[in-house]
């Protein structure tokens, strides 16, 4: 495997209009395009493309097309991962997912920030910050996770939230910006009755 270009973390660097990065992104977008054109039933070919796209992939990983990312090899996915339609990951820095993660439709995770200073921004200066999603996390529909965020194990992020800061483990967090609403408790296990019928209808 050829050596990949280095992306510095947590500092200003020339990210936009950078031919080296743009070449890598084009390669990645081509893989994403091929993935998104496959039949939903062609799971074998889907898995092959994902293995060649992602930096690490566990067992039982599903990305429902369309799925887009920038580099691919900065993404590490644990076991039993399910991402619904229209997941976008801007992985200039590392994006790691633990085991048993659910991602609802239309979510965005972006490790990239442009410079706020207008001169630096015009010159293509960016900042890259890693994102970490813990084990057994659920991101609701239309959630955006911004650069540098860590979401702790077992937490739930409500639909439409914009996560700008770290979220601790075992909580429900919602809003723009996303804030902790409450801890997950034993009462959540009995919020609904369990279905007692047969699934073999």
N, C-alpha and C. Protein backbone atom coordinates (compact mmCIF):
# COMPACT_ATOMS: atom_id res chain seq x y z
N UNK A 1 0.85 -1.19 0.00
CA UNK A 1 0.00 0.00 0.00
C UNK A 1 0.88 1.24 0.00
N UNK A 2 0.58 2.19 -0.88
CA UNK A 2 1.38 3.41 -0.95
C UNK A 2 1.15 4.27 0.28
N UNK A 3 2.16 5.04 0.64
CA UNK A 3 2.06 5.89 1.81
C UNK A 3 1.06 7.02 1.54
N UNK A 4 0.21 7.27 2.52
CA UNK A 4 -0.82 8.28 2.36
C UNK A 4 -0.29 9.64 2.82
N UNK A 5 -0.79 10.72 2.24
CA UNK A 5 -0.32 12.05 2.64
C UNK A 5 -0.70 12.37 4.07
N UNK A 6 0.19 13.04 4.75
CA UNK A 6 -0.03 13.38 6.16
C UNK A 6 -0.98 14.57 6.28
N UNK A 7 -1.93 14.45 7.20
CA UNK A 7 -2.82 15.56 7.53
C UNK A 7 -2.53 15.98 8.97
N UNK A 8 -1.98 17.17 9.19
CA UNK A 8 -1.69 17.60 10.56
C UNK A 8 -2.98 17.86 11.33
N UNK A 9 -2.94 17.63 12.64
CA UNK A 9 -4.13 17.75 13.47
C UNK A 9 -4.05 18.97 14.38
N UNK A 10 -5.21 19.57 14.61
CA UNK A 10 -5.37 20.64 15.60
C UNK A 10 -4.44 21.83 15.36
N UNK A 11 -4.22 22.14 14.09
CA UNK A 11 -3.40 23.30 13.75
C UNK A 11 -3.79 23.78 12.36
N UNK A 12 -3.43 25.01 12.03
CA UNK A 12 -3.67 25.51 10.68
C UNK A 12 -2.79 24.76 9.67
N UNK A 13 -3.38 24.42 8.53
CA UNK A 13 -2.60 23.83 7.44
C UNK A 13 -3.31 24.11 6.13
N UNK A 14 -2.59 23.97 5.05
CA UNK A 14 -3.12 24.24 3.71
C UNK A 14 -3.94 23.03 3.26
N UNK A 15 -5.24 23.05 3.57
CA UNK A 15 -6.09 21.91 3.24
C UNK A 15 -6.83 22.07 1.93
N UNK A 16 -7.42 23.24 1.72
CA UNK A 16 -8.15 23.49 0.47
C UNK A 16 -7.18 23.86 -0.64
N UNK A 17 -7.58 23.54 -1.86
CA UNK A 17 -6.76 23.84 -3.05
C UNK A 17 -5.38 23.19 -2.96
N UNK A 18 -5.32 22.05 -2.29
CA UNK A 18 -4.07 21.32 -2.13
C UNK A 18 -4.09 20.13 -3.09
N UNK A 19 -3.25 20.14 -4.13
CA UNK A 19 -3.33 19.08 -5.15
C UNK A 19 -3.14 17.67 -4.59
N UNK A 20 -2.30 17.53 -3.58
CA UNK A 20 -2.07 16.20 -3.01
C UNK A 20 -3.34 15.65 -2.37
N UNK A 21 -4.00 16.47 -1.56
CA UNK A 21 -5.24 16.03 -0.93
C UNK A 21 -6.36 15.85 -1.95
N UNK A 22 -6.42 16.75 -2.92
CA UNK A 22 -7.48 16.66 -3.92
C UNK A 22 -7.38 15.37 -4.73
N UNK A 23 -6.17 14.91 -4.99
CA UNK A 23 -6.00 13.65 -5.71
C UNK A 23 -6.52 12.48 -4.89
N UNK A 24 -6.24 12.49 -3.59
CA UNK A 24 -6.73 11.43 -2.71
C UNK A 24 -8.25 11.45 -2.62
N UNK A 25 -8.81 12.64 -2.55
CA UNK A 25 -10.26 12.77 -2.45
C UNK A 25 -10.94 12.26 -3.72
N UNK A 26 -10.35 12.53 -4.88
CA UNK A 26 -10.93 12.03 -6.13
C UNK A 26 -10.95 10.50 -6.16
N UNK A 27 -9.89 9.88 -5.68
CA UNK A 27 -9.85 8.42 -5.62
C UNK A 27 -10.96 7.90 -4.72
N UNK A 28 -11.12 8.55 -3.58
CA UNK A 28 -12.15 8.14 -2.62
C UNK A 28 -13.55 8.33 -3.20
N UNK A 29 -13.78 9.48 -3.84
CA UNK A 29 -15.11 9.75 -4.40
C UNK A 29 -15.47 8.74 -5.49
N UNK A 30 -14.47 8.28 -6.23
CA UNK A 30 -14.74 7.27 -7.25
C UNK A 30 -15.20 5.97 -6.60
N UNK A 31 -14.56 5.59 -5.49
CA UNK A 31 -14.98 4.38 -4.79
C UNK A 31 -16.39 4.54 -4.23
N UNK A 32 -16.67 5.71 -3.66
CA UNK A 32 -18.01 5.96 -3.13
C UNK A 32 -19.05 5.91 -4.25
N UNK A 33 -18.71 6.49 -5.39
CA UNK A 33 -19.64 6.49 -6.52
C UNK A 33 -19.95 5.06 -6.96
N UNK A 34 -18.92 4.23 -7.06
CA UNK A 34 -19.14 2.84 -7.47
C UNK A 34 -19.99 2.10 -6.43
N UNK A 35 -19.73 2.38 -5.16
CA UNK A 35 -20.52 1.77 -4.09
C UNK A 35 -21.99 2.17 -4.20
N UNK A 36 -22.22 3.44 -4.44
CA UNK A 36 -23.59 3.95 -4.47
C UNK A 36 -24.38 3.51 -5.70
N UNK A 37 -23.68 3.04 -6.74
CA UNK A 37 -24.36 2.58 -7.95
C UNK A 37 -24.75 1.10 -7.88
N UNK A 38 -24.28 0.40 -6.87
CA UNK A 38 -24.57 -1.03 -6.78
C UNK A 38 -26.03 -1.29 -6.43
N UNK A 39 -26.50 -2.46 -6.82
CA UNK A 39 -27.82 -2.90 -6.37
C UNK A 39 -27.81 -3.05 -4.85
N UNK A 40 -28.90 -2.68 -4.19
CA UNK A 40 -28.97 -2.88 -2.73
C UNK A 40 -28.79 -4.33 -2.31
N UNK A 41 -29.01 -5.26 -3.24
CA UNK A 41 -28.88 -6.68 -2.93
C UNK A 41 -27.48 -7.23 -3.18
N UNK A 42 -26.58 -6.40 -3.71
CA UNK A 42 -25.23 -6.87 -4.03
C UNK A 42 -24.31 -6.68 -2.82
N UNK A 43 -24.61 -7.39 -1.75
CA UNK A 43 -23.88 -7.19 -0.50
C UNK A 43 -22.42 -7.62 -0.61
N UNK A 44 -22.14 -8.62 -1.42
CA UNK A 44 -20.76 -9.09 -1.55
C UNK A 44 -19.87 -8.00 -2.16
N UNK A 45 -20.34 -7.36 -3.21
CA UNK A 45 -19.57 -6.29 -3.84
C UNK A 45 -19.51 -5.06 -2.94
N UNK A 46 -20.58 -4.79 -2.23
CA UNK A 46 -20.56 -3.68 -1.27
C UNK A 46 -19.46 -3.87 -0.23
N UNK A 47 -19.39 -5.08 0.32
CA UNK A 47 -18.39 -5.35 1.34
C UNK A 47 -16.98 -5.24 0.78
N UNK A 48 -16.78 -5.67 -0.44
CA UNK A 48 -15.46 -5.58 -1.05
C UNK A 48 -15.02 -4.13 -1.21
N UNK A 49 -15.92 -3.28 -1.68
CA UNK A 49 -15.58 -1.86 -1.83
C UNK A 49 -15.30 -1.23 -0.47
N UNK A 50 -16.13 -1.54 0.52
CA UNK A 50 -15.92 -0.96 1.85
C UNK A 50 -14.58 -1.39 2.44
N UNK A 51 -14.20 -2.65 2.24
CA UNK A 51 -12.91 -3.11 2.76
C UNK A 51 -11.75 -2.36 2.12
N UNK A 52 -11.91 -1.98 0.85
CA UNK A 52 -10.86 -1.24 0.15
C UNK A 52 -10.95 0.27 0.38
N UNK A 53 -12.04 0.71 0.97
CA UNK A 53 -12.26 2.13 1.19
C UNK A 53 -11.89 2.56 2.60
N UNK A 54 -12.34 1.79 3.59
CA UNK A 54 -12.19 2.19 4.99
C UNK A 54 -10.84 1.77 5.55
N UNK A 55 -10.40 2.51 6.57
CA UNK A 55 -9.15 2.16 7.22
C UNK A 55 -9.25 0.89 8.04
N UNK A 56 -10.40 0.67 8.67
CA UNK A 56 -10.64 -0.54 9.45
C UNK A 56 -12.14 -0.81 9.45
N UNK A 57 -12.51 -2.07 9.31
CA UNK A 57 -13.92 -2.43 9.27
C UNK A 57 -14.13 -3.72 10.02
N UNK A 58 -15.03 -3.70 11.00
CA UNK A 58 -15.35 -4.89 11.77
C UNK A 58 -16.34 -5.78 11.05
N UNK A 59 -16.93 -6.70 11.80
CA UNK A 59 -17.93 -7.62 11.26
C UNK A 59 -19.32 -7.00 11.33
N UNK A 60 -20.16 -7.37 10.38
CA UNK A 60 -21.54 -6.91 10.41
C UNK A 60 -21.70 -5.43 10.17
N UNK A 61 -20.94 -4.89 9.22
CA UNK A 61 -20.95 -3.45 8.93
C UNK A 61 -21.85 -3.18 7.72
N UNK A 62 -22.78 -2.25 7.88
CA UNK A 62 -23.70 -1.89 6.80
C UNK A 62 -23.73 -0.37 6.65
N UNK A 63 -23.45 0.09 5.44
CA UNK A 63 -23.66 1.48 5.05
C UNK A 63 -24.74 1.47 3.97
N UNK A 64 -25.93 1.95 4.28
CA UNK A 64 -26.99 1.98 3.27
C UNK A 64 -26.69 3.13 2.30
N UNK A 65 -26.59 2.85 1.00
CA UNK A 65 -26.28 3.92 0.05
C UNK A 65 -27.40 4.97 0.00
N UNK A 66 -27.06 6.20 -0.39
CA UNK A 66 -25.72 6.65 -0.72
C UNK A 66 -24.90 6.99 0.52
N UNK A 67 -23.60 6.76 0.40
CA UNK A 67 -22.63 7.07 1.44
C UNK A 67 -21.46 7.79 0.79
N UNK A 68 -21.02 8.88 1.42
CA UNK A 68 -19.90 9.65 0.88
C UNK A 68 -18.88 9.95 1.99
N UNK A 69 -17.62 9.89 1.62
CA UNK A 69 -16.55 10.33 2.52
C UNK A 69 -15.45 10.96 1.67
N UNK A 70 -14.42 11.50 2.32
CA UNK A 70 -13.39 12.25 1.60
C UNK A 70 -12.12 11.44 1.34
N UNK A 71 -11.68 10.69 2.34
CA UNK A 71 -10.47 9.89 2.19
C UNK A 71 -10.76 8.40 2.39
N UNK A 72 -11.63 8.09 3.32
CA UNK A 72 -12.01 6.70 3.57
C UNK A 72 -11.09 6.01 4.54
N UNK A 73 -9.79 6.07 4.28
CA UNK A 73 -8.84 5.33 5.12
C UNK A 73 -8.64 5.96 6.50
N UNK A 74 -9.21 7.13 6.74
CA UNK A 74 -9.18 7.70 8.09
C UNK A 74 -10.36 7.23 8.95
N UNK A 75 -11.23 6.40 8.38
CA UNK A 75 -12.43 5.93 9.08
C UNK A 75 -12.20 4.52 9.61
N UNK A 76 -12.47 4.33 10.90
CA UNK A 76 -12.38 3.01 11.53
C UNK A 76 -13.73 2.67 12.13
N UNK A 77 -14.24 1.50 11.76
CA UNK A 77 -15.59 1.09 12.15
C UNK A 77 -15.52 -0.22 12.91
N UNK A 78 -16.20 -0.28 14.06
CA UNK A 78 -16.23 -1.50 14.86
C UNK A 78 -17.24 -2.50 14.33
N UNK A 79 -17.59 -3.47 15.18
CA UNK A 79 -18.52 -4.53 14.79
C UNK A 79 -19.97 -4.07 14.92
N UNK A 80 -20.82 -4.66 14.07
CA UNK A 80 -22.27 -4.45 14.14
C UNK A 80 -22.61 -2.96 14.04
N UNK A 81 -22.21 -2.40 12.93
CA UNK A 81 -22.40 -0.97 12.64
C UNK A 81 -23.47 -0.84 11.57
N UNK A 82 -24.42 0.07 11.78
CA UNK A 82 -25.47 0.29 10.78
C UNK A 82 -25.64 1.78 10.54
N UNK A 83 -25.38 2.21 9.31
CA UNK A 83 -25.60 3.60 8.91
C UNK A 83 -26.68 3.63 7.84
N UNK A 84 -27.71 4.41 8.07
CA UNK A 84 -28.81 4.51 7.11
C UNK A 84 -28.44 5.48 5.99
N UNK A 85 -29.40 5.76 5.10
CA UNK A 85 -29.15 6.54 3.89
C UNK A 85 -28.48 7.89 4.17
N UNK A 86 -27.63 8.30 3.23
CA UNK A 86 -27.11 9.67 3.15
C UNK A 86 -26.16 10.04 4.29
N UNK A 87 -25.36 9.09 4.73
CA UNK A 87 -24.30 9.44 5.68
C UNK A 87 -23.15 10.10 4.93
N UNK A 88 -22.70 11.24 5.45
CA UNK A 88 -21.54 11.94 4.90
C UNK A 88 -20.49 12.06 6.00
N UNK A 89 -19.27 11.59 5.72
CA UNK A 89 -18.16 11.70 6.66
C UNK A 89 -17.02 12.43 5.97
N UNK A 90 -16.71 13.62 6.46
CA UNK A 90 -15.55 14.36 5.97
C UNK A 90 -14.37 14.01 6.88
N UNK A 91 -13.62 13.03 6.43
CA UNK A 91 -12.60 12.41 7.29
C UNK A 91 -11.19 12.91 6.97
N UNK A 92 -11.00 14.23 7.06
CA UNK A 92 -9.64 14.74 6.96
C UNK A 92 -8.78 14.25 8.11
N UNK A 93 -9.38 14.16 9.29
CA UNK A 93 -8.76 13.52 10.45
C UNK A 93 -9.48 12.20 10.70
N UNK A 94 -9.03 11.46 11.71
CA UNK A 94 -9.61 10.15 11.97
C UNK A 94 -11.04 10.27 12.49
N UNK A 95 -11.88 9.34 12.05
CA UNK A 95 -13.24 9.19 12.56
C UNK A 95 -13.38 7.74 12.98
N UNK A 96 -13.57 7.50 14.27
CA UNK A 96 -13.63 6.14 14.78
C UNK A 96 -15.00 5.87 15.38
N UNK A 97 -15.51 4.68 15.09
CA UNK A 97 -16.79 4.22 15.63
C UNK A 97 -16.53 2.94 16.43
N UNK A 98 -17.14 2.86 17.61
CA UNK A 98 -17.07 1.63 18.38
C UNK A 98 -17.99 0.57 17.83
N UNK A 99 -18.29 -0.42 18.65
CA UNK A 99 -19.20 -1.50 18.27
C UNK A 99 -20.66 -1.08 18.48
N UNK A 100 -21.54 -1.69 17.71
CA UNK A 100 -22.99 -1.57 17.92
C UNK A 100 -23.50 -0.14 17.79
N UNK A 101 -23.02 0.54 16.77
CA UNK A 101 -23.42 1.93 16.52
C UNK A 101 -24.54 1.97 15.48
N UNK A 102 -25.56 2.78 15.76
CA UNK A 102 -26.65 3.04 14.82
C UNK A 102 -26.60 4.50 14.38
N UNK A 103 -26.69 4.72 13.08
CA UNK A 103 -26.73 6.08 12.54
C UNK A 103 -27.96 6.19 11.64
N UNK A 104 -28.84 7.11 11.98
CA UNK A 104 -30.08 7.32 11.23
C UNK A 104 -29.80 8.10 9.93
N UNK A 105 -30.80 8.27 9.08
CA UNK A 105 -30.57 8.94 7.79
C UNK A 105 -30.10 10.38 7.92
N UNK A 106 -29.34 10.80 6.90
CA UNK A 106 -28.98 12.20 6.68
C UNK A 106 -28.07 12.78 7.77
N UNK A 107 -27.16 11.98 8.26
CA UNK A 107 -26.21 12.47 9.27
C UNK A 107 -24.91 12.92 8.61
N UNK A 108 -24.24 13.88 9.25
CA UNK A 108 -22.97 14.41 8.77
C UNK A 108 -21.98 14.42 9.92
N UNK A 109 -20.78 13.89 9.66
CA UNK A 109 -19.68 13.99 10.61
C UNK A 109 -18.52 14.66 9.88
N UNK A 110 -18.07 15.79 10.39
CA UNK A 110 -17.02 16.53 9.69
C UNK A 110 -15.86 16.85 10.62
N UNK A 111 -14.68 16.40 10.24
CA UNK A 111 -13.48 16.69 11.02
C UNK A 111 -12.83 18.00 10.60
N UNK A 112 -13.37 18.63 9.58
CA UNK A 112 -12.72 19.81 8.99
C UNK A 112 -13.35 21.10 9.49
N UNK A 113 -12.50 22.07 9.73
CA UNK A 113 -12.94 23.44 9.97
C UNK A 113 -12.14 24.36 9.06
N UNK A 114 -12.80 25.34 8.48
CA UNK A 114 -12.09 26.39 7.76
C UNK A 114 -11.66 27.47 8.76
N UNK A 115 -10.64 28.20 8.40
CA UNK A 115 -10.20 29.31 9.24
C UNK A 115 -11.29 30.37 9.33
N UNK A 116 -11.47 30.94 10.51
CA UNK A 116 -12.42 32.04 10.66
C UNK A 116 -11.87 33.32 10.06
N UNK A 117 -10.57 33.53 10.21
CA UNK A 117 -9.95 34.71 9.60
C UNK A 117 -10.16 34.68 8.09
N UNK A 118 -10.72 35.74 7.49
CA UNK A 118 -11.08 35.68 6.08
C UNK A 118 -9.90 35.53 5.14
N UNK A 119 -8.75 36.10 5.49
CA UNK A 119 -7.59 35.97 4.62
C UNK A 119 -7.08 34.54 4.61
N UNK A 120 -6.98 33.94 5.80
CA UNK A 120 -6.55 32.55 5.87
C UNK A 120 -7.54 31.63 5.17
N UNK A 121 -8.83 31.89 5.37
CA UNK A 121 -9.85 31.04 4.75
C UNK A 121 -9.77 31.13 3.23
N UNK A 122 -9.59 32.33 2.70
CA UNK A 122 -9.46 32.50 1.25
C UNK A 122 -8.27 31.73 0.70
N UNK A 123 -7.22 31.63 1.52
CA UNK A 123 -6.00 30.94 1.08
C UNK A 123 -6.07 29.43 1.28
N UNK A 124 -7.23 28.93 1.72
CA UNK A 124 -7.41 27.49 1.84
C UNK A 124 -6.92 26.88 3.13
N UNK A 125 -6.77 27.71 4.17
CA UNK A 125 -6.29 27.19 5.45
C UNK A 125 -7.43 26.50 6.19
N UNK A 126 -7.14 25.30 6.71
CA UNK A 126 -8.12 24.51 7.44
C UNK A 126 -7.53 24.03 8.76
N UNK A 127 -8.39 23.42 9.57
CA UNK A 127 -7.99 22.73 10.79
C UNK A 127 -8.67 21.36 10.77
N UNK A 128 -7.95 20.31 11.11
CA UNK A 128 -8.52 18.96 11.15
C UNK A 128 -8.49 18.44 12.59
N UNK A 129 -9.65 17.97 13.07
CA UNK A 129 -9.76 17.47 14.44
C UNK A 129 -10.50 16.13 14.43
N UNK A 130 -9.97 15.12 15.10
CA UNK A 130 -10.59 13.78 15.08
C UNK A 130 -11.96 13.75 15.75
N UNK A 131 -12.77 12.80 15.33
CA UNK A 131 -14.07 12.51 15.93
C UNK A 131 -14.05 11.08 16.44
N UNK A 132 -14.60 10.87 17.63
CA UNK A 132 -14.71 9.50 18.17
C UNK A 132 -16.14 9.26 18.64
N UNK A 133 -16.73 8.19 18.12
CA UNK A 133 -18.07 7.75 18.51
C UNK A 133 -17.91 6.44 19.26
N UNK A 134 -18.37 6.39 20.51
CA UNK A 134 -18.15 5.23 21.35
C UNK A 134 -19.01 4.04 20.99
N UNK A 135 -18.97 3.03 21.85
CA UNK A 135 -19.76 1.81 21.65
C UNK A 135 -21.24 2.08 21.92
N UNK A 136 -22.09 1.42 21.13
CA UNK A 136 -23.53 1.39 21.40
C UNK A 136 -24.14 2.79 21.41
N UNK A 137 -23.67 3.63 20.49
CA UNK A 137 -24.20 4.99 20.35
C UNK A 137 -25.24 5.01 19.23
N UNK A 138 -26.28 5.81 19.42
CA UNK A 138 -27.31 6.00 18.40
C UNK A 138 -27.37 7.48 18.05
N UNK A 139 -27.12 7.79 16.78
CA UNK A 139 -27.29 9.15 16.27
C UNK A 139 -28.63 9.21 15.54
N UNK A 140 -29.53 10.08 15.98
CA UNK A 140 -30.82 10.23 15.33
C UNK A 140 -30.70 10.89 13.97
N UNK A 141 -31.81 10.96 13.26
CA UNK A 141 -31.82 11.51 11.91
C UNK A 141 -31.36 12.97 11.89
N UNK A 142 -30.61 13.30 10.84
CA UNK A 142 -30.17 14.68 10.59
C UNK A 142 -29.27 15.24 11.69
N UNK A 143 -28.51 14.39 12.32
CA UNK A 143 -27.53 14.84 13.31
C UNK A 143 -26.25 15.26 12.60
N UNK A 144 -25.66 16.36 13.07
CA UNK A 144 -24.36 16.81 12.60
C UNK A 144 -23.38 16.76 13.77
N UNK A 145 -22.25 16.09 13.56
CA UNK A 145 -21.19 16.01 14.56
C UNK A 145 -19.99 16.79 14.03
N UNK A 146 -19.58 17.81 14.79
CA UNK A 146 -18.52 18.69 14.32
C UNK A 146 -17.14 18.21 14.77
N UNK A 147 -16.14 18.85 14.22
CA UNK A 147 -14.74 18.45 14.41
C UNK A 147 -14.35 18.43 15.88
N UNK A 148 -13.60 17.40 16.25
CA UNK A 148 -13.03 17.31 17.59
C UNK A 148 -13.93 16.71 18.64
N UNK A 149 -15.12 16.25 18.27
CA UNK A 149 -16.11 15.78 19.24
C UNK A 149 -15.90 14.30 19.57
N UNK A 150 -16.09 13.97 20.84
CA UNK A 150 -16.18 12.58 21.30
C UNK A 150 -17.56 12.37 21.90
N UNK A 151 -18.22 11.28 21.51
CA UNK A 151 -19.51 10.90 22.08
C UNK A 151 -19.31 9.60 22.84
N UNK A 152 -19.64 9.61 24.13
CA UNK A 152 -19.37 8.48 25.00
C UNK A 152 -20.26 7.28 24.76
N UNK A 153 -19.84 6.14 25.29
CA UNK A 153 -20.56 4.88 25.12
C UNK A 153 -22.02 4.99 25.55
N UNK A 154 -22.88 4.31 24.81
CA UNK A 154 -24.30 4.12 25.14
C UNK A 154 -25.16 5.36 24.98
N UNK A 155 -24.61 6.46 24.54
CA UNK A 155 -25.39 7.69 24.48
C UNK A 155 -26.26 7.76 23.22
N UNK A 156 -27.31 8.56 23.32
CA UNK A 156 -28.26 8.78 22.24
C UNK A 156 -28.27 10.27 21.91
N UNK A 157 -28.13 10.59 20.63
CA UNK A 157 -28.17 11.98 20.18
C UNK A 157 -29.47 12.18 19.42
N UNK A 158 -30.31 13.10 19.90
CA UNK A 158 -31.63 13.31 19.33
C UNK A 158 -31.59 13.87 17.92
N UNK A 159 -32.64 13.57 17.16
CA UNK A 159 -32.73 13.98 15.76
C UNK A 159 -32.56 15.49 15.62
N UNK A 160 -31.81 15.88 14.59
CA UNK A 160 -31.62 17.29 14.27
C UNK A 160 -30.58 18.01 15.10
N UNK A 161 -29.91 17.30 15.99
CA UNK A 161 -28.94 17.95 16.87
C UNK A 161 -27.66 18.32 16.12
N UNK A 162 -27.00 19.36 16.59
CA UNK A 162 -25.67 19.74 16.12
C UNK A 162 -24.72 19.61 17.30
N UNK A 163 -23.84 18.62 17.22
CA UNK A 163 -22.97 18.29 18.35
C UNK A 163 -21.66 19.06 18.19
N UNK A 164 -21.46 20.04 19.05
CA UNK A 164 -20.29 20.91 18.98
C UNK A 164 -19.27 20.61 20.06
N UNK A 165 -19.70 19.91 21.12
CA UNK A 165 -18.83 19.60 22.26
C UNK A 165 -18.96 18.13 22.61
N UNK A 166 -18.01 17.63 23.41
CA UNK A 166 -18.05 16.23 23.83
C UNK A 166 -19.34 15.92 24.59
N UNK A 167 -19.84 14.71 24.39
CA UNK A 167 -21.03 14.21 25.09
C UNK A 167 -20.59 13.03 25.95
N UNK A 168 -20.94 13.03 27.24
CA UNK A 168 -20.50 11.94 28.12
C UNK A 168 -21.23 10.64 27.82
N UNK A 169 -20.77 9.54 28.42
CA UNK A 169 -21.44 8.26 28.22
C UNK A 169 -22.82 8.21 28.87
N UNK A 170 -23.68 7.36 28.33
CA UNK A 170 -24.92 6.92 28.98
C UNK A 170 -25.90 8.07 29.21
N UNK A 171 -26.03 8.95 28.21
CA UNK A 171 -26.98 10.06 28.33
C UNK A 171 -27.78 10.20 27.05
N UNK A 172 -28.90 10.91 27.16
CA UNK A 172 -29.64 11.40 26.01
C UNK A 172 -29.31 12.88 25.86
N UNK A 173 -28.87 13.27 24.67
CA UNK A 173 -28.48 14.66 24.43
C UNK A 173 -29.18 15.15 23.17
N UNK A 174 -29.65 16.39 23.19
CA UNK A 174 -30.42 16.92 22.07
C UNK A 174 -30.11 18.41 21.90
N UNK A 175 -30.46 18.92 20.72
CA UNK A 175 -30.47 20.36 20.53
C UNK A 175 -29.37 20.90 19.66
N UNK A 176 -29.48 22.22 19.42
CA UNK A 176 -28.50 22.96 18.63
C UNK A 176 -28.12 24.21 19.40
N UNK A 177 -26.96 24.23 20.05
CA UNK A 177 -26.00 23.13 20.12
C UNK A 177 -26.49 22.02 21.04
N UNK A 178 -25.97 20.82 20.83
CA UNK A 178 -26.42 19.64 21.56
C UNK A 178 -25.99 19.72 23.02
N UNK A 179 -26.97 19.46 23.91
CA UNK A 179 -26.71 19.45 25.35
C UNK A 179 -27.34 18.21 25.97
N UNK A 180 -26.79 17.79 27.09
CA UNK A 180 -27.32 16.62 27.79
C UNK A 180 -28.71 16.93 28.32
N UNK A 181 -29.67 16.09 27.97
CA UNK A 181 -31.03 16.23 28.46
C UNK A 181 -31.22 15.46 29.77
N UNK A 182 -30.71 14.22 29.78
CA UNK A 182 -30.85 13.39 30.98
C UNK A 182 -29.95 12.17 30.84
N UNK A 183 -29.76 11.48 31.95
CA UNK A 183 -29.08 10.19 31.92
C UNK A 183 -30.05 9.10 31.46
N UNK A 184 -29.51 8.08 30.85
CA UNK A 184 -30.30 6.89 30.53
C UNK A 184 -30.46 6.09 31.82
N UNK A 185 -31.69 5.67 32.11
CA UNK A 185 -31.97 5.02 33.39
C UNK A 185 -32.65 3.67 33.18
N UNK A 186 -32.85 2.97 34.29
CA UNK A 186 -33.51 1.66 34.24
C UNK A 186 -34.93 1.77 33.69
N UNK A 187 -35.56 2.91 33.89
CA UNK A 187 -36.94 3.08 33.41
C UNK A 187 -37.02 3.02 31.88
N UNK A 188 -35.92 3.30 31.20
CA UNK A 188 -35.93 3.23 29.74
C UNK A 188 -36.12 1.80 29.23
N UNK A 189 -35.81 0.83 30.07
CA UNK A 189 -35.99 -0.57 29.67
C UNK A 189 -37.46 -0.98 29.67
N UNK A 190 -38.29 -0.23 30.38
CA UNK A 190 -39.72 -0.58 30.46
C UNK A 190 -40.60 0.52 29.88
N UNK A 191 -40.03 1.33 28.99
CA UNK A 191 -40.80 2.43 28.40
C UNK A 191 -41.95 1.94 27.54
N UNK A 192 -41.81 0.74 26.96
CA UNK A 192 -42.86 0.13 26.14
C UNK A 192 -43.00 -1.33 26.54
N UNK A 193 -44.19 -1.90 26.34
CA UNK A 193 -44.34 -3.34 26.59
C UNK A 193 -43.60 -4.14 25.51
N UNK A 194 -43.12 -5.31 25.89
CA UNK A 194 -42.47 -6.19 24.92
C UNK A 194 -43.53 -6.97 24.14
N UNK A 195 -43.31 -7.07 22.85
CA UNK A 195 -44.20 -7.84 21.98
C UNK A 195 -44.11 -9.32 22.35
N UNK A 196 -45.25 -9.95 22.54
CA UNK A 196 -45.28 -11.35 22.95
C UNK A 196 -45.68 -12.31 21.84
N UNK A 197 -45.97 -11.77 20.66
CA UNK A 197 -46.41 -12.64 19.57
C UNK A 197 -45.26 -13.28 18.82
N UNK A 198 -45.60 -13.95 17.74
CA UNK A 198 -44.62 -14.63 16.91
C UNK A 198 -44.13 -13.70 15.80
N UNK A 199 -42.84 -13.81 15.47
CA UNK A 199 -42.29 -13.06 14.34
C UNK A 199 -42.40 -13.85 13.04
N UNK A 200 -42.83 -15.10 13.14
CA UNK A 200 -42.96 -15.95 11.96
C UNK A 200 -44.39 -15.90 11.44
N UNK A 201 -44.79 -14.73 10.96
CA UNK A 201 -46.17 -14.56 10.51
C UNK A 201 -46.34 -15.09 9.09
